Amino acid sequence: MNELANLAITGFSLALTLALLFALTNHRRKAQRMRRKFREIEGEEERMFSFLHDLGLVIGREPSDSALSRMIVEGVLKVVGASGGAIYREAHEPGFLNPAYVSEACPALVTVPQEILEKAKTDPRALESHLRLARVAVGDGLIGKGISMPEAIRVQDEEKGLTVMISPLRYAGKDIGVLAVARQTGAGDFTDNDFAVFRSVSEQSSFTIGNARVHREANEKKEIEGELKNAREVQRVLLPQEDPVVTGFRVNGTNLPAKIISGDYYDYIVLPNGKLGVAIADVSGKGVPAGLLMAMCRSLLRAFSQANTSPSAALSTVNRYLFPDIREDMFISMIYGILDPADGSLTFARAGHEPALIFRKATGLVEISKPKGLALGIDSGNVFERVTADERITLSSGDCVLLFTDGVKEALDASEEEFGLERLSDTFRDAAQLGAEAVVKQVQEVVKSFTGNGPQMDDVTIVAIEKR
């Protein structure tokens, strides 16, 4: 009996020992799995933080779209353990997406034409080339539909044997592209944690792409502004640096551009026999195109004025040289006059420009002179030369002539009322008795007071000619 009891106790002890060993083994295995899982999560977090750190650094380096897309795709592949991925960005042509970067092992996530598939059987590079170059129509396949998705999704593509995670990329409410990563079905599905991480990195990638674009555009804008300022300095050199010296006359002028580059200009040209050429012009439009055309016109007039004693003849020659190279939507209005100290006369031609205002000291009145003339660049020459003619006026001591561009007359106040020719004539009459410099200064001040704090809408150029 005692022996049986001992055997029973021994058996029970052995069973208990085995049970404890089994439980301990299971516990150790669970602990190992937990440690392994923890290490995996820890490694995933480390890769995630490394990825986000790299994204933060890359913005200030102004990477190209392809370089930034490559960094994002390769980083996401490491973080979620995908076998391949791609970023598609909105194309310049609406309705399409262009591949910004497709990883080497990325499976076909877009529709591949049958002829490419056939060709790929003998030349694998055909498929690779197609995936890297072919654009995708918005709405076509996973990638094409991805840009309009409200958020990231995880799908099984049984036909291709893939598990795919795809997310739209948006910045400041605007669609900028699609990010997708894939894994062969045999390699296991993406876990919930993988998907959560993918959504997070997609959001960060959108932010990085958008910020990089804003950063790049801001720098490009600074460069353009710098170039425009340099161009303005060059243009400023082309304008008169001081008042001209001509016997019996005082001449003063100014140019106030509405933008950095002005389409207006004025010029003084020293001519034979003590004469002085005076020009004022307004190129249609504003900005760089107008500024370039202005510089071309100035050079041509300076070249041809020396051989032409007639202002209309000089303008006719300028027009014939300008017409073949001027855009159809551009033209130049101009007044070009010649001051002759010998007889105190001003002979001028008006090529579609604003009229000249003439103050007569003897009467205290302002005359408006607007001889016929066609703007430069509208006609090849025959019509221009037929309708544009010289007008000669004789100036007495104290008389004054005002030349101006339409930026003066068409200046607007807060209620969008124009300054107008009548106000300009009154301002000119009040200032003319004080001389050329006073005319230019007072016209500027009165126009500025009229417009108030409103923006200057057009270039303003003023030239005053006073007979001493």
Protein backbone atom coordinates (compact mmCIF):
# COMPACT_ATOMS: atom_id res chain seq x y z
CA MET A 1 0.00 0.00 0.00
CA ASN A 2 2.78 2.36 0.86
CA GLU A 3 4.52 1.51 -2.38
CA LEU A 4 1.39 2.34 -4.38
CA ALA A 5 1.05 5.62 -2.53
CA ASN A 6 4.68 6.45 -3.23
CA LEU A 7 4.24 5.63 -6.90
CA ALA A 8 1.18 7.85 -7.07
CA ILE A 9 2.97 10.70 -5.42
CA THR A 10 5.95 10.25 -7.71
CA GLY A 11 3.68 10.19 -10.78
CA PHE A 12 1.87 13.28 -9.63
CA SER A 13 5.15 15.06 -8.99
CA LEU A 14 6.40 14.10 -12.45
CA ALA A 15 3.19 15.31 -14.10
CA LEU A 16 3.31 18.53 -12.16
CA THR A 17 6.94 19.01 -13.12
CA LEU A 18 6.15 18.38 -16.79
CA ALA A 19 3.21 20.78 -16.64
CA LEU A 20 5.36 23.42 -15.05
CA LEU A 21 8.08 22.84 -17.65
CA PHE A 22 5.49 23.10 -20.43
CA ALA A 23 4.00 26.26 -18.96
CA LEU A 24 7.46 27.74 -18.49
CA THR A 25 8.39 26.87 -22.04
CA ASN A 26 5.20 28.48 -23.36
CA HIS A 27 5.84 31.52 -21.23
CA ARG A 28 9.37 31.78 -22.54
CA ARG A 29 8.14 31.39 -26.10
CA LYS A 30 5.51 34.07 -25.54
CA ALA A 31 8.11 36.28 -23.94
CA GLN A 32 10.43 35.72 -26.90
CA ARG A 33 7.61 36.49 -29.33
CA MET A 34 6.76 39.60 -27.36
CA ARG A 35 10.40 40.67 -27.28
CA ARG A 36 10.69 39.96 -31.00
CA LYS A 37 7.47 41.90 -31.66
CA PHE A 38 8.72 44.71 -29.47
CA ARG A 39 12.02 44.76 -31.35
CA GLU A 40 10.09 44.82 -34.64
CA ILE A 41 7.94 47.71 -33.45
CA GLU A 42 10.98 49.42 -32.02
CA GLY A 43 12.82 48.95 -35.32
CA GLU A 44 9.78 50.20 -37.26
CA GLU A 45 9.59 53.28 -35.04
CA GLU A 46 13.28 53.88 -35.50
CA ARG A 47 12.92 53.63 -39.29
CA MET A 48 9.88 55.90 -39.09
CA PHE A 49 11.69 58.57 -37.10
CA SER A 50 14.70 58.32 -39.39
CA PHE A 51 12.41 58.76 -42.38
CA LEU A 52 10.68 61.80 -40.88
CA HIS A 53 14.04 63.29 -39.92
CA ASP A 54 15.29 62.93 -43.49
CA LEU A 55 12.09 64.52 -44.82
CA GLY A 56 12.62 67.51 -42.54
CA LEU A 57 16.19 67.99 -43.71
CA VAL A 58 15.46 67.64 -47.41
CA ILE A 59 13.09 70.63 -47.69
CA GLY A 60 15.88 73.19 -47.34
CA ARG A 61 18.04 71.47 -49.96
CA GLU A 62 15.68 72.27 -52.83
CA PRO A 63 15.62 68.74 -54.27
CA SER A 64 14.18 68.08 -57.70
CA ASP A 65 10.75 66.45 -57.88
CA SER A 66 12.30 63.16 -58.97
CA ALA A 67 14.93 63.16 -56.20
CA LEU A 68 12.36 63.95 -53.50
CA SER A 69 9.94 61.34 -54.86
CA ARG A 70 12.70 58.72 -54.86
CA MET A 71 13.61 59.49 -51.26
CA ILE A 72 9.99 59.23 -50.16
CA VAL A 73 9.28 55.94 -51.95
CA GLU A 74 12.50 54.25 -50.80
CA GLY A 75 11.92 55.48 -47.26
CA VAL A 76 8.35 54.20 -47.14
CA LEU A 77 9.44 50.81 -48.49
CA LYS A 78 11.88 50.44 -45.59
CA VAL A 79 9.37 51.58 -42.98
CA VAL A 80 6.51 49.22 -43.96
CA GLY A 81 8.56 46.43 -45.55
CA ALA A 82 7.01 46.66 -49.03
CA SER A 83 8.64 45.12 -52.09
CA GLY A 84 7.99 48.06 -54.41
CA GLY A 85 6.33 51.43 -54.65
CA ALA A 86 5.79 54.54 -56.74
CA ILE A 87 4.77 58.16 -56.66
CA TYR A 88 2.71 59.68 -59.47
CA ARG A 89 2.37 63.47 -59.69
CA GLU A 90 -0.19 65.63 -61.45
CA ALA A 91 0.87 66.33 -65.03
CA HIS A 92 0.87 69.79 -66.62
CA GLU A 93 -1.86 68.48 -68.90
CA PRO A 94 -5.07 68.25 -66.86
CA GLY A 95 -6.54 64.77 -66.40
CA PHE A 96 -3.25 62.86 -66.26
CA LEU A 97 -0.62 61.70 -63.75
CA ASN A 98 3.06 61.32 -64.52
CA PRO A 99 5.37 58.82 -62.77
CA ALA A 100 7.70 60.85 -60.56
CA TYR A 101 9.51 57.75 -59.26
CA VAL A 102 8.92 53.99 -59.62
CA SER A 103 11.15 51.69 -57.55
CA GLU A 104 13.16 48.90 -59.20
CA ALA A 105 11.15 46.01 -57.81
CA CYS A 106 7.80 47.74 -58.12
CA PRO A 107 5.16 45.52 -59.72
CA ALA A 108 2.87 46.98 -62.36
CA LEU A 109 0.36 49.13 -60.50
CA VAL A 110 -1.06 50.61 -63.71
CA THR A 111 -2.75 49.16 -66.75
CA VAL A 112 -0.13 47.84 -69.18
CA PRO A 113 -1.03 47.60 -72.90
CA GLN A 114 -0.99 44.10 -74.35
CA GLU A 115 1.72 44.98 -76.86
CA ILE A 116 4.04 45.99 -74.00
CA LEU A 117 3.34 42.73 -72.18
CA GLU A 118 4.14 40.76 -75.36
CA LYS A 119 7.32 42.71 -75.92
CA ALA A 120 8.36 42.23 -72.29
CA LYS A 121 8.46 38.45 -72.80
CA THR A 122 11.63 38.88 -74.84
CA ASP A 123 12.78 42.25 -73.52
CA PRO A 124 12.09 42.87 -69.78
CA ARG A 125 13.24 46.47 -70.23
CA ALA A 126 10.10 47.22 -72.25
CA LEU A 127 7.89 46.86 -69.18
CA GLU A 128 10.34 48.72 -66.94
CA SER A 129 10.51 51.58 -69.44
CA HIS A 130 6.74 51.73 -69.73
CA LEU A 131 6.23 51.89 -65.96
CA ARG A 132 8.79 54.68 -65.61
CA LEU A 133 7.57 56.82 -68.50
CA ALA A 134 3.89 56.20 -69.23
CA ARG A 135 1.42 58.70 -67.87
CA VAL A 136 -1.83 57.52 -66.31
CA ALA A 137 -5.27 58.98 -66.96
CA VAL A 138 -7.08 60.14 -63.85
CA GLY A 139 -9.66 57.47 -62.99
CA ASP A 140 -7.76 54.66 -64.75
CA GLY A 141 -6.85 51.76 -62.43
CA LEU A 142 -5.67 51.99 -58.84
CA ILE A 143 -3.24 54.83 -59.48
CA GLY A 144 -5.65 56.84 -61.61
CA LYS A 145 -8.43 56.47 -59.05
CA GLY A 146 -6.10 57.05 -56.11
CA ILE A 147 -5.88 60.81 -56.56
CA SER A 148 -9.62 61.24 -56.01
CA MET A 149 -9.81 58.93 -52.99
CA PRO A 150 -10.80 60.67 -49.74
CA GLU A 151 -8.08 58.80 -47.80
CA ALA A 152 -5.60 55.93 -47.94
CA ILE A 153 -6.88 52.40 -48.64
CA ARG A 154 -5.50 48.84 -48.41
CA VAL A 155 -6.62 46.44 -51.15
CA GLN A 156 -5.98 42.95 -52.46
CA ASP A 157 -5.35 42.70 -56.20
CA GLU A 158 -5.97 39.00 -56.65
CA GLU A 159 -5.48 39.14 -60.41
CA LYS A 160 -1.92 40.43 -59.97
CA GLY A 161 -1.32 38.64 -56.66
CA LEU A 162 -0.60 41.83 -54.77
CA THR A 163 -1.44 43.53 -51.52
CA VAL A 164 -1.41 47.27 -52.15
CA MET A 165 -1.60 50.35 -49.94
CA ILE A 166 -2.40 53.55 -51.82
CA SER A 167 -2.93 57.12 -50.67
CA PRO A 168 -3.78 60.44 -52.32
CA LEU A 169 -1.22 63.19 -51.73
CA ARG A 170 -2.75 66.58 -50.94
CA TYR A 171 -1.31 69.88 -49.80
CA ALA A 172 -3.32 72.95 -48.79
CA GLY A 173 -6.47 71.28 -50.10
CA LYS A 174 -5.02 70.64 -53.57
CA ASP A 175 -4.32 67.25 -55.17
CA ILE A 176 -0.63 66.82 -55.93
CA GLY A 177 -0.28 63.09 -56.60
CA VAL A 178 -0.57 59.49 -55.46
CA LEU A 179 1.70 57.28 -53.31
CA ALA A 180 1.41 53.49 -53.54
CA VAL A 181 3.39 50.54 -52.14
CA ALA A 182 2.88 46.85 -52.82
CA ARG A 183 3.85 43.42 -51.55
CA GLN A 184 3.45 40.06 -53.25
CA THR A 185 0.60 38.09 -51.66
CA GLY A 186 2.97 35.25 -50.81
CA ALA A 187 5.06 37.61 -48.68
CA GLY A 188 2.15 38.25 -46.32
CA ASP A 189 -0.49 40.92 -46.06
CA PHE A 190 0.17 44.36 -44.67
CA THR A 191 -0.85 44.48 -41.02
CA ASP A 192 -3.06 47.05 -39.37
CA ASN A 193 0.06 48.60 -37.91
CA ASP A 194 1.68 48.74 -41.37
CA PHE A 195 -1.40 50.52 -42.71
CA ALA A 196 -1.47 53.01 -39.82
CA VAL A 197 2.21 53.78 -40.41
CA PHE A 198 1.62 54.11 -44.18
CA ARG A 199 -1.17 56.62 -43.65
CA SER A 200 1.07 58.64 -41.36
CA VAL A 201 4.04 58.71 -43.75
CA SER A 202 1.71 59.58 -46.63
CA GLU A 203 0.51 62.66 -44.77
CA GLN A 204 4.09 63.64 -43.96
CA SER A 205 5.11 63.05 -47.58
CA SER A 206 2.30 65.31 -48.81
CA PHE A 207 3.45 68.02 -46.43
CA THR A 208 7.06 67.63 -47.52
CA ILE A 209 6.29 67.72 -51.25
CA GLY A 210 4.05 70.77 -50.81
CA ASN A 211 6.56 72.59 -48.63
CA ALA A 212 9.42 71.79 -50.99
CA ARG A 213 7.39 73.19 -53.87
CA VAL A 214 6.55 76.37 -51.93
CA HIS A 215 10.19 76.74 -50.88
CA ARG A 216 11.39 76.27 -54.46
CA GLU A 217 8.82 78.70 -55.87
CA ALA A 218 9.73 81.29 -53.23
CA ASN A 219 13.41 81.05 -54.15
CA GLU A 220 12.58 81.21 -57.86
CA LYS A 221 10.47 84.29 -57.19
CA LYS A 222 13.36 85.91 -55.32
CA GLU A 223 15.68 85.17 -58.22
CA ILE A 224 13.20 86.61 -60.70
CA GLU A 225 12.70 89.70 -58.56
CA GLY A 226 16.46 90.11 -58.33
CA GLU A 227 16.79 89.81 -62.10
CA LEU A 228 13.96 92.30 -62.62
CA LYS A 229 15.59 94.76 -60.26
CA ASN A 230 18.82 94.42 -62.21
CA ALA A 231 16.85 94.95 -65.42
CA ARG A 232 15.25 98.04 -63.88
CA GLU A 233 18.68 99.42 -63.06
CA VAL A 234 19.77 98.81 -66.66
CA GLN A 235 16.58 100.49 -67.88
CA ARG A 236 17.16 103.42 -65.55
CA VAL A 237 20.53 103.98 -67.19
CA LEU A 238 18.72 104.27 -70.53
CA LEU A 239 16.64 107.18 -69.20
CA PRO A 240 18.13 110.71 -69.07
CA GLN A 241 20.38 111.17 -66.04
CA GLU A 242 20.18 114.97 -66.09
CA ASP A 243 18.36 117.81 -67.79
CA PRO A 244 19.69 118.66 -71.25
CA VAL A 245 21.45 121.93 -72.03
CA VAL A 246 19.89 123.68 -75.03
CA THR A 247 20.11 127.38 -75.71
CA GLY A 248 16.93 129.26 -74.93
CA PHE A 249 15.05 126.33 -73.36
CA ARG A 250 14.67 124.50 -70.06
CA VAL A 251 13.63 120.83 -70.27
CA ASN A 252 12.71 118.53 -67.40
CA GLY A 253 11.22 115.04 -67.27
CA THR A 254 10.49 112.02 -65.07
CA ASN A 255 9.41 108.38 -65.34
CA LEU A 256 7.49 106.59 -62.57
CA PRO A 257 6.98 102.90 -63.39
CA ALA A 258 3.87 101.08 -62.17
CA LYS A 259 5.91 97.87 -61.98
CA ILE A 260 9.61 97.16 -61.71
CA ILE A 261 10.01 97.38 -65.48
CA SER A 262 8.47 100.36 -67.26
CA GLY A 263 6.89 100.38 -70.71
CA ASP A 264 7.17 104.19 -70.85
CA TYR A 265 10.26 106.11 -71.70
CA TYR A 266 11.49 109.58 -72.53
CA ASP A 267 14.75 110.65 -74.10
CA TYR A 268 16.83 113.64 -75.12
CA ILE A 269 18.91 113.35 -78.31
CA VAL A 270 21.69 115.81 -79.14
CA LEU A 271 21.38 116.77 -82.82
CA PRO A 272 23.55 118.82 -85.21
CA ASN A 273 23.48 122.65 -85.15
CA GLY A 274 22.61 122.85 -81.46
CA LYS A 275 19.20 121.26 -81.91
CA LEU A 276 17.71 118.82 -79.39
CA GLY A 277 15.46 115.85 -80.03
CA VAL A 278 12.84 115.19 -77.33
CA ALA A 279 10.92 111.92 -77.27
CA ILE A 280 8.23 110.46 -75.04
CA ALA A 281 6.68 107.04 -75.65
CA ASP A 282 4.32 104.45 -74.21
CA VAL A 283 4.62 100.77 -75.13
CA SER A 284 1.36 98.82 -74.89
CA GLY A 285 1.37 96.46 -71.93
CA LYS A 286 3.70 96.38 -68.97
CA GLY A 287 6.57 94.38 -67.58
CA VAL A 288 9.50 92.75 -69.35
CA PRO A 289 8.07 92.55 -72.92
CA ALA A 290 7.18 96.24 -72.85
CA GLY A 291 10.57 97.11 -71.37
CA LEU A 292 12.45 95.21 -74.07
CA LEU A 293 10.41 96.85 -76.84
CA MET A 294 11.03 100.23 -75.25
CA ALA A 295 14.79 99.67 -75.30
CA MET A 296 14.64 98.58 -78.97
CA CYS A 297 12.61 101.64 -79.94
CA ARG A 298 14.97 103.98 -78.09
CA SER A 299 18.01 102.56 -79.90
CA LEU A 300 16.38 102.82 -83.32
CA LEU A 301 15.22 106.41 -82.78
CA ARG A 302 18.67 107.47 -81.59
CA ALA A 303 20.23 105.88 -84.67
CA PHE A 304 17.84 107.35 -87.26
CA SER A 305 17.25 110.79 -85.75
CA GLN A 306 20.71 112.00 -86.73
CA ALA A 307 20.04 111.66 -90.45
CA ASN A 308 16.44 112.94 -90.39
CA THR A 309 15.63 116.59 -89.86
CA SER A 310 11.93 115.73 -89.98
CA PRO A 311 10.45 114.05 -86.86
CA SER A 312 7.83 112.18 -88.92
CA ALA A 313 10.54 110.89 -91.29
CA ALA A 314 12.57 109.60 -88.33
CA LEU A 315 9.51 107.86 -86.89
CA SER A 316 8.67 106.36 -90.27
CA THR A 317 12.11 104.75 -90.48
CA VAL A 318 11.81 103.46 -86.89
CA ASN A 319 8.39 102.01 -87.72
CA ARG A 320 9.64 100.15 -90.80
CA TYR A 321 12.42 98.51 -88.75
CA LEU A 322 10.16 97.72 -85.78
CA PHE A 323 7.14 96.32 -87.61
CA PRO A 324 8.58 92.92 -88.69
CA ASP A 325 9.68 92.08 -85.14
CA ILE A 326 6.83 93.43 -83.05
CA ARG A 327 4.08 91.18 -81.67
CA GLU A 328 0.63 91.64 -83.17
CA ASP A 329 -0.84 92.65 -79.82
CA MET A 330 1.79 95.33 -79.14
CA PHE A 331 2.39 98.86 -80.42
CA ILE A 332 4.12 102.07 -79.37
CA SER A 333 2.59 105.52 -79.11
CA MET A 334 5.11 108.34 -79.30
CA ILE A 335 5.74 112.03 -79.70
CA TYR A 336 9.10 112.97 -81.14
CA GLY A 337 9.98 116.64 -81.45
CA ILE A 338 12.99 118.74 -82.43
CA LEU A 339 13.80 121.96 -80.57
CA ASP A 340 15.53 124.60 -82.68
CA PRO A 341 17.24 127.36 -80.65
CA ALA A 342 17.75 129.42 -83.81
CA ASP A 343 14.06 130.31 -84.16
CA GLY A 344 12.58 129.06 -80.86
CA SER A 345 10.48 126.44 -82.59
CA LEU A 346 9.36 122.94 -81.73
CA THR A 347 8.62 120.67 -84.66
CA PHE A 348 7.04 117.38 -83.65
CA ALA A 349 5.20 114.34 -84.95
CA ARG A 350 2.54 112.49 -82.92
CA ALA A 351 2.46 108.74 -83.54
CA GLY A 352 -0.87 107.86 -81.93
CA HIS A 353 0.20 109.43 -78.63
CA GLU A 354 -1.61 111.67 -76.14
CA PRO A 355 -1.86 115.30 -77.34
CA ALA A 356 0.69 117.94 -76.45
CA LEU A 357 -0.47 120.73 -74.14
CA ILE A 358 0.88 124.23 -74.86
CA PHE A 359 0.71 127.05 -72.32
CA ARG A 360 0.81 130.53 -73.85
CA LYS A 361 2.06 133.12 -71.39
CA ALA A 362 0.59 135.97 -73.38
CA THR A 363 -2.98 134.70 -72.96
CA GLY A 364 -2.64 132.47 -69.89
CA LEU A 365 -4.45 129.73 -71.80
CA VAL A 366 -3.61 126.10 -72.56
CA GLU A 367 -3.83 124.90 -76.15
CA ILE A 368 -4.27 121.25 -77.10
CA SER A 369 -2.25 120.12 -80.10
CA LYS A 370 -2.94 116.70 -81.59
CA PRO A 371 -1.78 116.38 -85.19
CA LYS A 372 -2.73 113.15 -86.99
CA GLY A 373 -0.50 110.14 -86.64
CA LEU A 374 -0.52 106.35 -86.34
CA ALA A 375 1.11 104.38 -83.53
CA LEU A 376 4.33 102.53 -84.32
CA GLY A 377 4.09 98.81 -85.07
CA ILE A 378 0.51 98.74 -86.38
CA ASP A 379 1.26 99.21 -90.08
CA SER A 380 4.27 98.13 -92.14
CA GLY A 381 4.82 101.71 -93.37
CA ASN A 382 2.59 102.93 -96.20
CA VAL A 383 -0.40 103.93 -94.06
CA PHE A 384 1.84 105.22 -91.26
CA GLU A 385 3.74 107.50 -93.60
CA ARG A 386 0.57 108.77 -95.27
CA VAL A 387 -1.17 109.86 -92.06
CA THR A 388 1.74 110.91 -89.81
CA ALA A 389 2.94 114.45 -90.38
CA ASP A 390 5.03 117.14 -88.71
CA GLU A 391 3.56 120.08 -86.81
CA ARG A 392 5.62 123.17 -86.12
CA ILE A 393 4.93 125.61 -83.31
CA THR A 394 6.85 128.74 -82.35
CA LEU A 395 7.35 129.34 -78.66
CA SER A 396 7.71 132.74 -77.08
CA SER A 397 9.42 133.51 -73.77
CA GLY A 398 7.43 132.01 -70.90
CA ASP A 399 5.55 129.53 -73.08
CA CYS A 400 5.65 125.90 -71.97
CA VAL A 401 4.86 122.52 -73.57
CA LEU A 402 3.72 119.47 -71.60
CA LEU A 403 4.18 115.94 -72.97
CA PHE A 404 2.77 113.02 -70.98
CA THR A 405 1.72 109.36 -71.19
CA ASP A 406 -1.79 108.08 -70.55
CA GLY A 407 -0.84 106.97 -67.03
CA VAL A 408 -1.28 110.63 -66.03
CA LYS A 409 -4.67 111.32 -67.63
CA GLU A 410 -6.12 107.87 -66.78
CA ALA A 411 -5.09 107.79 -63.11
CA LEU A 412 -8.08 106.72 -60.96
CA ASP A 413 -9.31 107.91 -57.59
CA ALA A 414 -11.05 105.74 -54.96
CA SER A 415 -14.37 105.95 -56.84
CA GLU A 416 -12.62 104.99 -60.11
CA GLU A 417 -13.02 108.45 -61.65
CA GLU A 418 -10.26 109.40 -64.11
CA PHE A 419 -7.97 112.35 -63.49
CA GLY A 420 -8.78 113.46 -67.01
CA LEU A 421 -7.44 115.95 -69.51
CA GLU A 422 -9.31 118.91 -68.01
CA ARG A 423 -7.74 118.50 -64.55
CA LEU A 424 -4.35 118.00 -66.17
CA SER A 425 -4.77 121.20 -68.24
CA ASP A 426 -5.75 123.19 -65.13
CA THR A 427 -2.78 121.80 -63.15
CA PHE A 428 -0.44 122.57 -66.04
CA ARG A 429 -1.74 126.15 -66.41
CA ASP A 430 -1.25 126.84 -62.69
CA ALA A 431 2.33 125.54 -62.69
CA ALA A 432 3.56 126.61 -66.14
CA GLN A 433 4.46 130.17 -65.09
CA LEU A 434 6.89 128.70 -62.54
CA GLY A 435 8.94 126.80 -65.13
CA ALA A 436 9.52 123.28 -66.43
CA GLU A 437 10.70 121.76 -63.15
CA ALA A 438 7.66 123.12 -61.29
CA VAL A 439 5.32 121.69 -63.95
CA VAL A 440 6.73 118.16 -63.62
CA LYS A 441 6.73 118.30 -59.81
CA GLN A 442 3.23 119.76 -59.48
CA VAL A 443 1.62 117.36 -61.97
CA GLN A 444 3.08 114.44 -59.99
CA GLU A 445 1.85 115.83 -56.67
CA VAL A 446 -1.67 116.63 -57.88
CA VAL A 447 -2.09 113.22 -59.52
CA LYS A 448 -0.84 111.49 -56.37
CA SER A 449 -3.24 113.52 -54.21
CA PHE A 450 -6.08 112.62 -56.58
CA THR A 451 -5.42 108.85 -56.47
CA GLY A 452 -4.81 108.82 -52.71
CA ASN A 453 -3.54 105.51 -51.31
CA GLY A 454 -4.68 103.51 -54.33
CA PRO A 455 -2.11 101.59 -56.36
CA GLN A 456 -0.49 103.18 -59.42
CA MET A 457 -2.17 101.35 -62.31
CA ASP A 458 0.03 102.51 -65.17
CA ASP A 459 3.45 103.95 -65.87
CA VAL A 460 3.60 107.74 -65.55
CA THR A 461 6.00 109.78 -67.69
CA ILE A 462 6.06 113.58 -67.91
CA VAL A 463 8.25 115.96 -69.91
CA ALA A 464 7.98 119.77 -69.71
CA ILE A 465 9.65 122.16 -72.22
CA GLU A 466 9.90 125.81 -71.23
CA LYS A 467 10.95 128.66 -73.54
CA ARG A 468 13.04 131.12 -71.57
